[in-house]
């Protein structure tokens, strides 16, 4: 249920409604809009009828049922698009300005990550991406530098001012990754790892949720709901391609997911054309298409020597290619009423 407060409802009236929701054994989630406050009441669906009694409380305008199975992620709960602020960096995701996250698939060493970080910063990127823990299909391939990689990413942040995003793979890693990272990434293989989703839902850092290889949009939003329901309101969705019968590209990049999500949810949507296509020659056109489709930003894999990268080299742009892409994106952003 959504409890819509009247315009100008007092803090005392809002608190009284929140307390009453708790007494009914539901969890309240406050969403402050431009004109009024909305309170989501989340809990056991079987007893939702008792929530209609809240309509008699002072300051309450209406009690509205949420029809979607994902309650807090739904645009029924929050009409305005969410804008997520990344710590004190000044970076925002979901506003009028596109956010570009760029960097190598894996952190391979200090020289590498510093070189790439300085290059993507110079080209106009807003965030650095890099993997310290790497989920790989084969157990014999490079698995990441782990905490050493996190320390190198932190060093690159200090050197460039770029906040960074990195993946967490297990509940046991969450505290450590949260200590270092500015955004915590949940990768495609963990999109329905519900224990991990609930754990990052207790974090105070934004969570970047990638779509699974065969995850429907409804299932993906339900995964976001796990995070939101634990109290973390800062969830960013990332479309990174899905698995279909097509073999010409690594995955099939679902551009249609962008307008669909912009209709269904208030959460920001980022696209990853690197994983979405799997080949660097396709990354630039799909990145531009993503902006035209209404994406809030992009995640791009960039490496100083892609042909010798320890992971995902074929889909990584080299430094000049990324610089050229950022120039192209500026024109597409302006044509779409956005800025870089």
C-alpha atoms as a PDB file:
ATOM      1  CA  UNK A   1       0.000   0.000   0.000  1.00  0.00           C
ATOM      2  CA  UNK A   2       0.983   3.632  -0.521  1.00  0.00           C
ATOM      3  CA  UNK A   3      -0.125   6.207   2.006  1.00  0.00           C
ATOM      4  CA  UNK A   4      -0.267   9.602   0.293  1.00  0.00           C
ATOM      5  CA  UNK A   5       0.050  12.478   2.736  1.00  0.00           C
ATOM      6  CA  UNK A   6      -1.692  15.788   2.121  1.00  0.00           C
ATOM      7  CA  UNK A   7       0.360  18.682   0.828  1.00  0.00           C
ATOM      8  CA  UNK A   8       1.736  20.479   3.850  1.00  0.00           C
ATOM      9  CA  UNK A   9       1.279  17.538   6.246  1.00  0.00           C
ATOM     10  CA  UNK A  10       3.264  18.178   9.423  1.00  0.00           C
ATOM     11  CA  UNK A  11       6.230  16.148  10.627  1.00  0.00           C
ATOM     12  CA  UNK A  12       4.139  15.105  13.612  1.00  0.00           C
ATOM     13  CA  UNK A  13       1.347  13.785  11.375  1.00  0.00           C
ATOM     14  CA  UNK A  14       3.847  11.877   9.216  1.00  0.00           C
ATOM     15  CA  UNK A  15       5.469  10.374  12.317  1.00  0.00           C
ATOM     16  CA  UNK A  16       2.090   9.287  13.645  1.00  0.00           C
ATOM     17  CA  UNK A  17       1.319   7.468  10.386  1.00  0.00           C
ATOM     18  CA  UNK A  18       4.751   5.822  10.413  1.00  0.00           C
ATOM     19  CA  UNK A  19       4.258   4.652  13.999  1.00  0.00           C
ATOM     20  CA  UNK A  20       0.816   3.268  13.157  1.00  0.00           C
ATOM     21  CA  UNK A  21       2.245   1.351  10.162  1.00  0.00           C
ATOM     22  CA  UNK A  22       4.801  -0.250  12.468  1.00  0.00           C
ATOM     23  CA  UNK A  23       2.076  -1.152  14.975  1.00  0.00           C
ATOM     24  CA  UNK A  24       0.282  -3.006  12.170  1.00  0.00           C
ATOM     25  CA  UNK A  25       3.506  -5.007  11.613  1.00  0.00           C
ATOM     26  CA  UNK A  26       4.411  -3.397   8.295  1.00  0.00           C
ATOM     27  CA  UNK A  27       7.626  -1.651   7.346  1.00  0.00           C
ATOM     28  CA  UNK A  28       7.286   2.055   6.436  1.00  0.00           C
ATOM     29  CA  UNK A  29       9.404   3.619   3.685  1.00  0.00           C
ATOM     30  CA  UNK A  30       9.269   7.413   3.409  1.00  0.00           C
ATOM     31  CA  UNK A  31       9.503   8.920  -0.059  1.00  0.00           C
ATOM     32  CA  UNK A  32       9.645  12.699  -0.106  1.00  0.00           C
ATOM     33  CA  UNK A  33       8.355  14.209  -3.327  1.00  0.00           C
ATOM     34  CA  UNK A  34       8.379  17.773  -4.574  1.00  0.00           C
ATOM     35  CA  UNK A  35       4.865  18.535  -3.299  1.00  0.00           C
ATOM     36  CA  UNK A  36       4.065  15.867  -0.743  1.00  0.00           C
ATOM     37  CA  UNK A  37       5.330  12.871   1.190  1.00  0.00           C
ATOM     38  CA  UNK A  38       4.391   9.322   0.273  1.00  0.00           C
ATOM     39  CA  UNK A  39       4.846   6.416   2.665  1.00  0.00           C
ATOM     40  CA  UNK A  40       5.145   2.888   1.344  1.00  0.00           C
ATOM     41  CA  UNK A  41       3.903   0.206   3.734  1.00  0.00           C
ATOM     42  CA  UNK A  42       5.520  -3.120   2.881  1.00  0.00           C
ATOM     43  CA  UNK A  43       4.771  -6.486   4.453  1.00  0.00           C
ATOM     44  CA  UNK A  44       2.550  -9.543   4.314  1.00  0.00           C
ATOM     45  CA  UNK A  45       0.083  -9.138   1.438  1.00  0.00           C
ATOM     46  CA  UNK A  46      -2.588 -11.149   3.271  1.00  0.00           C
ATOM     47  CA  UNK A  47      -3.250  -8.442   5.853  1.00  0.00           C
ATOM     48  CA  UNK A  48      -3.071  -5.375   3.627  1.00  0.00           C
ATOM     49  CA  UNK A  49      -6.760  -4.611   4.208  1.00  0.00           C
ATOM     50  CA  UNK A  50      -5.976  -3.244   7.678  1.00  0.00           C
ATOM     51  CA  UNK A  51      -3.856  -0.521   6.080  1.00  0.00           C
ATOM     52  CA  UNK A  52      -6.958   1.107   4.604  1.00  0.00           C
ATOM     53  CA  UNK A  53      -7.833   2.259   8.151  1.00  0.00           C
ATOM     54  CA  UNK A  54      -4.919   4.708   7.908  1.00  0.00           C
ATOM     55  CA  UNK A  55      -7.049   6.875   5.622  1.00  0.00           C
ATOM     56  CA  UNK A  56      -8.808   8.266   8.718  1.00  0.00           C
ATOM     57  CA  UNK A  57      -5.607   9.640  10.263  1.00  0.00           C
ATOM     58  CA  UNK A  58      -4.845  13.364  10.254  1.00  0.00           C
ATOM     59  CA  UNK A  59      -2.760  14.479   7.309  1.00  0.00           C
ATOM     60  CA  UNK A  60      -3.536  11.438   5.152  1.00  0.00           C
ATOM     61  CA  UNK A  61      -4.997  12.143   1.719  1.00  0.00           C
ATOM     62  CA  UNK A  62      -5.456   8.588   0.478  1.00  0.00           C
ATOM     63  CA  UNK A  63      -4.354   4.966   0.809  1.00  0.00           C
ATOM     64  CA  UNK A  64      -3.638   3.416  -2.578  1.00  0.00           C
ATOM     65  CA  UNK A  65      -2.879  -0.249  -3.326  1.00  0.00           C
ATOM     66  CA  UNK A  66       0.292  -0.952  -5.314  1.00  0.00           C
ATOM     67  CA  UNK A  67      -0.626  -3.236  -8.182  1.00  0.00           C
ATOM     68  CA  UNK A  68       2.895  -4.240  -9.186  1.00  0.00           C
ATOM     69  CA  UNK A  69       4.574  -7.103  -7.288  1.00  0.00           C
ATOM     70  CA  UNK A  70       7.652  -4.898  -6.867  1.00  0.00           C
ATOM     71  CA  UNK A  71       6.362  -2.244  -4.493  1.00  0.00           C
ATOM     72  CA  UNK A  72       9.194   0.152  -3.683  1.00  0.00           C
ATOM     73  CA  UNK A  73      10.746  -0.053  -7.154  1.00  0.00           C
ATOM     74  CA  UNK A  74       7.461   0.805  -8.854  1.00  0.00           C
ATOM     75  CA  UNK A  75       6.660   4.174 -10.393  1.00  0.00           C
ATOM     76  CA  UNK A  76       3.295   3.782  -8.662  1.00  0.00           C
ATOM     77  CA  UNK A  77       5.084   4.575  -5.410  1.00  0.00           C
ATOM     78  CA  UNK A  78       7.293   7.377  -6.704  1.00  0.00           C
ATOM     79  CA  UNK A  79       6.342   9.365  -9.774  1.00  0.00           C
ATOM     80  CA  UNK A  80       9.539  11.428  -9.897  1.00  0.00           C
ATOM     81  CA  UNK A  81      12.678   9.777 -11.271  1.00  0.00           C
ATOM     82  CA  UNK A  82      15.203   8.934  -8.572  1.00  0.00           C
ATOM     83  CA  UNK A  83      18.511  10.771  -8.610  1.00  0.00           C
ATOM     84  CA  UNK A  84      21.261   8.937  -6.757  1.00  0.00           C
ATOM     85  CA  UNK A  85      24.173  10.891  -5.350  1.00  0.00           C
ATOM     86  CA  UNK A  86      27.507   9.111  -5.106  1.00  0.00           C
ATOM     87  CA  UNK A  87      28.879  10.118  -1.710  1.00  0.00           C
ATOM     88  CA  UNK A  88      30.456  13.571  -1.642  1.00  0.00           C
ATOM     89  CA  UNK A  89      31.907  13.232  -5.147  1.00  0.00           C
ATOM     90  CA  UNK A  90      29.314  15.448  -6.809  1.00  0.00           C
ATOM     91  CA  UNK A  91      28.420  12.625  -9.217  1.00  0.00           C
ATOM     92  CA  UNK A  92      24.708  12.062  -9.700  1.00  0.00           C
ATOM     93  CA  UNK A  93      23.004   9.186 -11.511  1.00  0.00           C
ATOM     94  CA  UNK A  94      19.514   9.628 -12.857  1.00  0.00           C
ATOM     95  CA  UNK A  95      19.386  13.353 -13.428  1.00  0.00           C
ATOM     96  CA  UNK A  96      19.653  15.340 -16.626  1.00  0.00           C
ATOM     97  CA  UNK A  97      23.409  14.723 -16.826  1.00  0.00           C
ATOM     98  CA  UNK A  98      24.566  11.392 -18.222  1.00  0.00           C
ATOM     99  CA  UNK A  99      26.943   9.406 -16.034  1.00  0.00           C
ATOM    100  CA  UNK A 100      29.731   7.471 -17.748  1.00  0.00           C
ATOM    101  CA  UNK A 101      31.569   4.760 -15.804  1.00  0.00           C
ATOM    102  CA  UNK A 102      34.731   3.541 -17.515  1.00  0.00           C
ATOM    103  CA  UNK A 103      37.735   1.393 -16.781  1.00  0.00           C
ATOM    104  CA  UNK A 104      39.176  -2.099 -17.124  1.00  0.00           C
ATOM    105  CA  UNK A 105      37.283  -5.313 -16.544  1.00  0.00           C
ATOM    106  CA  UNK A 106      39.965  -6.334 -14.027  1.00  0.00           C
ATOM    107  CA  UNK A 107      42.487  -4.453 -11.954  1.00  0.00           C
ATOM    108  CA  UNK A 108      45.826  -5.899 -13.077  1.00  0.00           C
ATOM    109  CA  UNK A 109      48.308  -3.686 -11.253  1.00  0.00           C
ATOM    110  CA  UNK A 110      49.039  -0.157 -10.063  1.00  0.00           C
ATOM    111  CA  UNK A 111      50.528   1.162 -13.298  1.00  0.00           C
ATOM    112  CA  UNK A 112      47.625  -0.186 -15.336  1.00  0.00           C
ATOM    113  CA  UNK A 113      44.794   1.151 -13.192  1.00  0.00           C
ATOM    114  CA  UNK A 114      46.414   4.566 -12.754  1.00  0.00           C
ATOM    115  CA  UNK A 115      47.058   4.933 -16.487  1.00  0.00           C
ATOM    116  CA  UNK A 116      43.491   4.001 -17.383  1.00  0.00           C
ATOM    117  CA  UNK A 117      41.995   6.130 -14.590  1.00  0.00           C
ATOM    118  CA  UNK A 118      43.856   9.255 -15.695  1.00  0.00           C
ATOM    119  CA  UNK A 119      42.934   8.609 -19.351  1.00  0.00           C
ATOM    120  CA  UNK A 120      39.207   8.118 -18.786  1.00  0.00           C
ATOM    121  CA  UNK A 121      39.112  11.131 -16.456  1.00  0.00           C
ATOM    122  CA  UNK A 122      40.793  13.249 -19.136  1.00  0.00           C
ATOM    123  CA  UNK A 123      38.252  12.034 -21.709  1.00  0.00           C
ATOM    124  CA  UNK A 124      35.334  13.079 -19.502  1.00  0.00           C
ATOM    125  CA  UNK A 125      34.300   9.944 -17.582  1.00  0.00           C
ATOM    126  CA  UNK A 126      32.562  10.540 -14.257  1.00  0.00           C
ATOM    127  CA  UNK A 127      33.399   7.268 -12.513  1.00  0.00           C
ATOM    128  CA  UNK A 128      36.049   4.569 -12.647  1.00  0.00           C
ATOM    129  CA  UNK A 129      35.062   0.921 -12.973  1.00  0.00           C
ATOM    130  CA  UNK A 130      37.326  -2.022 -12.230  1.00  0.00           C
ATOM    131  CA  UNK A 131      37.018  -5.560 -10.937  1.00  0.00           C
ATOM    132  CA  UNK A 132      38.849  -6.663  -7.805  1.00  0.00           C
ATOM    133  CA  UNK A 133      36.796  -9.862  -7.505  1.00  0.00           C
ATOM    134  CA  UNK A 134      36.080 -11.523 -10.830  1.00  0.00           C
ATOM    135  CA  UNK A 135      33.343 -14.119 -11.388  1.00  0.00           C
ATOM    136  CA  UNK A 136      34.639 -16.227 -14.270  1.00  0.00           C
ATOM    137  CA  UNK A 137      33.093 -19.086 -16.197  1.00  0.00           C
ATOM    138  CA  UNK A 138      36.256 -21.174 -15.830  1.00  0.00           C
ATOM    139  CA  UNK A 139      37.826 -21.801 -12.401  1.00  0.00           C
ATOM    140  CA  UNK A 140      41.260 -21.714 -14.060  1.00  0.00           C
ATOM    141  CA  UNK A 141      41.097 -18.118 -15.329  1.00  0.00           C
ATOM    142  CA  UNK A 142      42.138 -14.971 -13.440  1.00  0.00           C
ATOM    143  CA  UNK A 143      39.844 -14.400 -10.464  1.00  0.00           C
ATOM    144  CA  UNK A 144      40.912 -10.881  -9.451  1.00  0.00           C
ATOM    145  CA  UNK A 145      43.377  -9.251  -7.053  1.00  0.00           C
ATOM    146  CA  UNK A 146      40.797  -9.072  -4.241  1.00  0.00           C
ATOM    147  CA  UNK A 147      41.676  -6.615  -1.438  1.00  0.00           C
ATOM    148  CA  UNK A 148      44.891  -5.572  -3.159  1.00  0.00           C
ATOM    149  CA  UNK A 149      42.751  -4.616  -6.138  1.00  0.00           C
ATOM    150  CA  UNK A 150      40.435  -2.592  -3.899  1.00  0.00           C
ATOM    151  CA  UNK A 151      43.430  -0.701  -2.505  1.00  0.00           C
ATOM    152  CA  UNK A 152      44.656   0.066  -6.027  1.00  0.00           C
ATOM    153  CA  UNK A 153      41.217   1.354  -7.013  1.00  0.00           C
ATOM    154  CA  UNK A 154      41.242   3.574  -3.920  1.00  0.00           C
ATOM    155  CA  UNK A 155      44.678   4.849  -4.936  1.00  0.00           C
ATOM    156  CA  UNK A 156      43.358   5.665  -8.411  1.00  0.00           C
ATOM    157  CA  UNK A 157      40.431   7.528  -6.831  1.00  0.00           C
ATOM    158  CA  UNK A 158      42.852   9.561  -4.734  1.00  0.00           C
ATOM    159  CA  UNK A 159      44.984  10.356  -7.784  1.00  0.00           C
ATOM    160  CA  UNK A 160      42.127  11.361 -10.111  1.00  0.00           C
ATOM    161  CA  UNK A 161      39.152  12.272  -7.919  1.00  0.00           C
ATOM    162  CA  UNK A 162      37.019   9.666  -9.714  1.00  0.00           C
ATOM    163  CA  UNK A 163      34.739   7.635  -7.430  1.00  0.00           C
ATOM    164  CA  UNK A 164      34.782   3.949  -8.313  1.00  0.00           C
ATOM    165  CA  UNK A 165      32.405   1.033  -8.685  1.00  0.00           C
ATOM    166  CA  UNK A 166      33.396  -2.597  -8.164  1.00  0.00           C
ATOM    167  CA  UNK A 167      31.658  -5.949  -7.830  1.00  0.00           C
ATOM    168  CA  UNK A 168      30.975  -7.966  -4.709  1.00  0.00           C
ATOM    169  CA  UNK A 169      30.388 -11.697  -5.153  1.00  0.00           C
ATOM    170  CA  UNK A 170      29.665 -13.017  -1.673  1.00  0.00           C
ATOM    171  CA  UNK A 171      28.064 -11.862   1.579  1.00  0.00           C
ATOM    172  CA  UNK A 172      31.424 -12.385   3.301  1.00  0.00           C
ATOM    173  CA  UNK A 173      32.996  -9.698   1.066  1.00  0.00           C
ATOM    174  CA  UNK A 174      30.382  -6.997   1.568  1.00  0.00           C
ATOM    175  CA  UNK A 175      31.920  -5.216   4.575  1.00  0.00           C
ATOM    176  CA  UNK A 176      35.321  -5.014   2.893  1.00  0.00           C
ATOM    177  CA  UNK A 177      34.002  -3.839  -0.475  1.00  0.00           C
ATOM    178  CA  UNK A 178      31.722  -1.279   1.183  1.00  0.00           C
ATOM    179  CA  UNK A 179      34.713   0.101   3.071  1.00  0.00           C
ATOM    180  CA  UNK A 180      36.521   0.907  -0.181  1.00  0.00           C
ATOM    181  CA  UNK A 181      33.986   1.316  -2.997  1.00  0.00           C
ATOM    182  CA  UNK A 182      31.683   4.232  -3.780  1.00  0.00           C
ATOM    183  CA  UNK A 183      29.122   1.987  -5.504  1.00  0.00           C
ATOM    184  CA  UNK A 184      28.687  -1.745  -4.883  1.00  0.00           C
ATOM    185  CA  UNK A 185      28.006  -3.800  -7.998  1.00  0.00           C
ATOM    186  CA  UNK A 186      25.930  -6.977  -8.063  1.00  0.00           C
ATOM    187  CA  UNK A 187      26.873  -8.882 -11.188  1.00  0.00           C
ATOM    188  CA  UNK A 188      24.671 -10.791 -13.570  1.00  0.00           C
ATOM    189  CA  UNK A 189      25.381 -14.164 -11.946  1.00  0.00           C
ATOM    190  CA  UNK A 190      24.185 -12.915  -8.555  1.00  0.00           C
ATOM    191  CA  UNK A 191      21.027 -11.093  -9.637  1.00  0.00           C
ATOM    192  CA  UNK A 192      18.934 -13.694  -7.796  1.00  0.00           C
ATOM    193  CA  UNK A 193      21.340 -14.405  -4.954  1.00  0.00           C
ATOM    194  CA  UNK A 194      18.747 -13.260  -2.430  1.00  0.00           C
ATOM    195  CA  UNK A 195      21.010 -13.545   0.617  1.00  0.00           C
ATOM    196  CA  UNK A 196      23.505 -11.207  -1.068  1.00  0.00           C
ATOM    197  CA  UNK A 197      20.759  -8.823  -2.216  1.00  0.00           C
ATOM    198  CA  UNK A 198      19.382  -8.558   1.326  1.00  0.00           C
ATOM    199  CA  UNK A 199      22.882  -8.011   2.698  1.00  0.00           C
ATOM    200  CA  UNK A 200      23.699  -5.108   0.363  1.00  0.00           C
ATOM    201  CA  UNK A 201      20.243  -3.743   1.146  1.00  0.00           C
ATOM    202  CA  UNK A 202      21.644  -2.948   4.583  1.00  0.00           C
ATOM    203  CA  UNK A 203      24.600  -1.020   3.119  1.00  0.00           C
ATOM    204  CA  UNK A 204      24.847   2.753   3.042  1.00  0.00           C
ATOM    205  CA  UNK A 205      26.375   2.832  -0.426  1.00  0.00           C
ATOM    206  CA  UNK A 206      24.443   2.773  -3.718  1.00  0.00           C
ATOM    207  CA  UNK A 207      23.963  -0.657  -5.290  1.00  0.00           C
ATOM    208  CA  UNK A 208      24.389  -1.267  -9.022  1.00  0.00           C
ATOM    209  CA  UNK A 209      22.242  -4.232 -10.047  1.00  0.00           C
ATOM    210  CA  UNK A 210      23.047  -5.913 -13.362  1.00  0.00           C
ATOM    211  CA  UNK A 211      20.409  -7.871 -15.236  1.00  0.00           C
ATOM    212  CA  UNK A 212      20.840 -11.640 -15.361  1.00  0.00           C
ATOM    213  CA  UNK A 213      21.582 -13.579 -18.531  1.00  0.00           C
ATOM    214  CA  UNK A 214      18.019 -14.894 -18.686  1.00  0.00           C
ATOM    215  CA  UNK A 215      16.244 -12.613 -16.230  1.00  0.00           C
ATOM    216  CA  UNK A 216      12.926 -11.064 -17.209  1.00  0.00           C
ATOM    217  CA  UNK A 217      12.352  -7.403 -16.422  1.00  0.00           C
ATOM    218  CA  UNK A 218       9.813  -8.400 -13.789  1.00  0.00           C
ATOM    219  CA  UNK A 219      12.305 -10.763 -12.099  1.00  0.00           C
ATOM    220  CA  UNK A 220      15.001  -8.089 -12.277  1.00  0.00           C
ATOM    221  CA  UNK A 221      12.782  -5.520 -10.576  1.00  0.00           C
ATOM    222  CA  UNK A 222      11.853  -8.060  -7.916  1.00  0.00           C
ATOM    223  CA  UNK A 223      15.580  -8.456  -7.229  1.00  0.00           C
ATOM    224  CA  UNK A 224      15.821  -4.686  -6.841  1.00  0.00           C
ATOM    225  CA  UNK A 225      12.909  -4.931  -4.430  1.00  0.00           C
ATOM    226  CA  UNK A 226      14.951  -7.203  -2.154  1.00  0.00           C
ATOM    227  CA  UNK A 227      17.547  -4.448  -1.802  1.00  0.00           C
ATOM    228  CA  UNK A 228      15.021  -1.639  -1.395  1.00  0.00           C
ATOM    229  CA  UNK A 229      12.977  -3.551   1.172  1.00  0.00           C
ATOM    230  CA  UNK A 230      16.022  -3.827   3.437  1.00  0.00           C
ATOM    231  CA  UNK A 231      16.251  -0.042   3.656  1.00  0.00           C
ATOM    232  CA  UNK A 232      18.719   0.934   0.922  1.00  0.00           C
ATOM    233  CA  UNK A 233      16.886   3.340  -1.428  1.00  0.00           C
ATOM    234  CA  UNK A 234      19.818   3.824  -3.820  1.00  0.00           C
ATOM    235  CA  UNK A 235      19.541   1.134  -6.476  1.00  0.00           C
ATOM    236  CA  UNK A 236      20.777   1.565 -10.046  1.00  0.00           C
ATOM    237  CA  UNK A 237      19.715  -0.874 -12.763  1.00  0.00           C
ATOM    238  CA  UNK A 238      22.131  -1.990 -15.486  1.00  0.00           C
ATOM    239  CA  UNK A 239      21.077  -3.652 -18.734  1.00  0.00           C
ATOM    240  CA  UNK A 240      24.094  -5.664 -19.945  1.00  0.00           C
ATOM    241  CA  UNK A 241      22.632  -7.917 -22.595  1.00  0.00           C
ATOM    242  CA  UNK A 242      20.676 -11.141 -22.328  1.00  0.00           C
ATOM    243  CA  UNK A 243      21.259 -14.616 -23.704  1.00  0.00           C
ATOM    244  CA  UNK A 244      19.287 -15.449 -26.849  1.00  0.00           C
ATOM    245  CA  UNK A 245      19.730 -17.764 -29.827  1.00  0.00           C
ATOM    246  CA  UNK A 246      21.857 -15.108 -31.583  1.00  0.00           C
ATOM    247  CA  UNK A 247      25.590 -15.871 -31.846  1.00  0.00           C
ATOM    248  CA  UNK A 248      26.841 -12.861 -33.836  1.00  0.00           C
ATOM    249  CA  UNK A 249      27.352 -10.982 -30.571  1.00  0.00           C
ATOM    250  CA  UNK A 250      28.319 -12.176 -27.108  1.00  0.00           C
ATOM    251  CA  UNK A 251      24.879 -11.254 -25.744  1.00  0.00           C
ATOM    252  CA  UNK A 252      21.792  -9.566 -27.163  1.00  0.00           C
ATOM    253  CA  UNK A 253      21.635  -6.016 -25.882  1.00  0.00           C
ATOM    254  CA  UNK A 254      18.019  -5.269 -24.987  1.00  0.00           C
ATOM    255  CA  UNK A 255      17.639  -1.583 -25.825  1.00  0.00           C
ATOM    256  CA  UNK A 256      13.880  -1.881 -25.447  1.00  0.00           C
ATOM    257  CA  UNK A 257      14.429  -2.466 -21.726  1.00  0.00           C
ATOM    258  CA  UNK A 258      15.234   1.227 -21.317  1.00  0.00           C
ATOM    259  CA  UNK A 259      11.838   2.744 -22.213  1.00  0.00           C
ATOM    260  CA  UNK A 260      10.094  -0.171 -20.513  1.00  0.00           C
ATOM    261  CA  UNK A 261      11.976   0.429 -17.264  1.00  0.00           C
ATOM    262  CA  UNK A 262      11.502   4.187 -17.508  1.00  0.00           C
ATOM    263  CA  UNK A 263       7.777   3.488 -17.518  1.00  0.00           C
ATOM    264  CA  UNK A 264       7.714   0.839 -14.786  1.00  0.00           C
ATOM    265  CA  UNK A 265      10.207   2.175 -12.256  1.00  0.00           C
ATOM    266  CA  UNK A 266      11.691   5.381 -10.872  1.00  0.00           C
ATOM    267  CA  UNK A 267      15.165   3.802 -10.584  1.00  0.00           C
ATOM    268  CA  UNK A 268      17.994   5.028 -12.857  1.00  0.00           C
ATOM    269  CA  UNK A 269      18.965   2.828 -15.801  1.00  0.00           C
ATOM    270  CA  UNK A 270      22.546   2.374 -17.027  1.00  0.00           C
ATOM    271  CA  UNK A 271      23.546   0.388 -20.134  1.00  0.00           C
ATOM    272  CA  UNK A 272      26.674  -1.711 -20.593  1.00  0.00           C
ATOM    273  CA  UNK A 273      27.339  -2.072 -24.329  1.00  0.00           C
ATOM    274  CA  UNK A 274      30.679  -3.792 -23.660  1.00  0.00           C
ATOM    275  CA  UNK A 275      29.039  -6.931 -22.256  1.00  0.00           C
ATOM    276  CA  UNK A 276      25.951  -6.280 -24.333  1.00  0.00           C
ATOM    277  CA  UNK A 277      27.846  -6.891 -27.575  1.00  0.00           C
ATOM    278  CA  UNK A 278      31.153  -8.521 -26.644  1.00  0.00           C
ATOM    279  CA  UNK A 279      33.083  -6.842 -29.479  1.00  0.00           C
ATOM    280  CA  UNK A 280      34.731  -3.438 -29.222  1.00  0.00           C
ATOM    281  CA  UNK A 281      33.699  -2.414 -32.759  1.00  0.00           C
ATOM    282  CA  UNK A 282      30.039  -2.549 -31.691  1.00  0.00           C
ATOM    283  CA  UNK A 283      30.417  -0.729 -28.384  1.00  0.00           C
ATOM    284  CA  UNK A 284      30.389   2.825 -29.708  1.00  0.00           C
ATOM    285  CA  UNK A 285      27.243   2.585 -31.884  1.00  0.00           C
ATOM    286  CA  UNK A 286      25.338   0.786 -29.120  1.00  0.00           C
ATOM    287  CA  UNK A 287      26.479   3.351 -26.559  1.00  0.00           C
ATOM    288  CA  UNK A 288      25.067   6.140 -28.726  1.00  0.00           C
ATOM    289  CA  UNK A 289      21.861   4.169 -29.268  1.00  0.00           C
ATOM    290  CA  UNK A 290      21.534   3.750 -25.488  1.00  0.00           C
ATOM    291  CA  UNK A 291      21.528   7.502 -24.986  1.00  0.00           C
ATOM    292  CA  UNK A 292      18.870   7.912 -27.675  1.00  0.00           C
ATOM    293  CA  UNK A 293      16.767   5.222 -25.955  1.00  0.00           C
ATOM    294  CA  UNK A 294      16.757   7.226 -22.722  1.00  0.00           C
ATOM    295  CA  UNK A 295      19.477   5.621 -20.601  1.00  0.00           C
ATOM    296  CA  UNK A 296      20.800   7.586 -17.628  1.00  0.00           C
ATOM    297  CA  UNK A 297      24.375   6.591 -18.326  1.00  0.00           C
ATOM    298  CA  UNK A 298      26.830   4.008 -19.581  1.00  0.00           C
ATOM    299  CA  UNK A 299      29.352   1.515 -18.260  1.00  0.00           C
ATOM    300  CA  UNK A 300      32.230   1.045 -20.709  1.00  0.00           C
ATOM    301  CA  UNK A 301      35.197  -1.315 -20.454  1.00  0.00           C
ATOM    302  CA  UNK A 302      38.447   0.489 -21.270  1.00  0.00           C
ATOM    303  CA  UNK A 303      41.995  -0.904 -21.248  1.00  0.00           C
ATOM    304  CA  UNK A 304      45.344   0.583 -22.247  1.00  0.00           C
ATOM    305  CA  UNK A 305      46.219  -2.603 -24.164  1.00  0.00           C
ATOM    306  CA  UNK A 306      43.008  -4.584 -24.782  1.00  0.00           C
ATOM    307  CA  UNK A 307      44.657  -7.355 -26.808  1.00  0.00           C
ATOM    308  CA  UNK A 308      46.668  -8.301 -23.722  1.00  0.00           C
ATOM    309  CA  UNK A 309      43.983  -7.704 -21.084  1.00  0.00           C
ATOM    310  CA  UNK A 310      43.651 -10.413 -18.443  1.00  0.00           C
ATOM    311  CA  UNK A 311      39.877 -10.515 -18.954  1.00  0.00           C
ATOM    312  CA  UNK A 312      37.330  -9.299 -21.534  1.00  0.00           C
ATOM    313  CA  UNK A 313      39.916  -7.833 -23.893  1.00  0.00           C
ATOM    314  CA  UNK A 314      37.853  -8.312 -27.102  1.00  0.00           C
ATOM    315  CA  UNK A 315      35.081  -6.022 -25.802  1.00  0.00           C
ATOM    316  CA  UNK A 316      37.342  -3.378 -24.236  1.00  0.00           C
ATOM    317  CA  UNK A 317      38.013  -0.055 -25.945  1.00  0.00           C
ATOM    318  CA  UNK A 318      41.563   1.245 -26.048  1.00  0.00           C
ATOM    319  CA  UNK A 319      42.244   4.755 -24.751  1.00  0.00           C
ATOM    320  CA  UNK A 320      41.913   6.658 -28.083  1.00  0.00           C
ATOM    321  CA  UNK A 321      38.692   4.784 -28.915  1.00  0.00           C
ATOM    322  CA  UNK A 322      37.163   5.770 -25.599  1.00  0.00           C
ATOM    323  CA  UNK A 323      38.173   9.395 -26.075  1.00  0.00           C
ATOM    324  CA  UNK A 324      36.533   9.410 -29.523  1.00  0.00           C
ATOM    325  CA  UNK A 325      33.380   7.820 -28.095  1.00  0.00           C
ATOM    326  CA  UNK A 326      33.049  10.532 -25.447  1.00  0.00           C
ATOM    327  CA  UNK A 327      33.138  13.189 -28.175  1.00  0.00           C
ATOM    328  CA  UNK A 328      30.398  11.371 -30.098  1.00  0.00           C
ATOM    329  CA  UNK A 329      28.298  10.891 -26.980  1.00  0.00           C
ATOM    330  CA  UNK A 330      28.244  14.592 -26.272  1.00  0.00           C
ATOM    331  CA  UNK A 331      26.355  15.262 -29.507  1.00  0.00           C
ATOM    332  CA  UNK A 332      23.911  12.433 -28.885  1.00  0.00           C
ATOM    333  CA  UNK A 333      23.324  13.624 -25.338  1.00  0.00           C
ATOM    334  CA  UNK A 334      22.550  17.160 -26.471  1.00  0.00           C
ATOM    335  CA  UNK A 335      20.189  15.858 -29.167  1.00  0.00           C
ATOM    336  CA  UNK A 336      18.362  13.900 -26.454  1.00  0.00           C
ATOM    337  CA  UNK A 337      18.075  16.914 -24.159  1.00  0.00           C
ATOM    338  CA  UNK A 338      20.797  15.670 -21.819  1.00  0.00           C
ATOM    339  CA  UNK A 339      24.262  16.911 -20.925  1.00  0.00           C
ATOM    340  CA  UNK A 340      27.601  15.231 -20.281  1.00  0.00           C
END
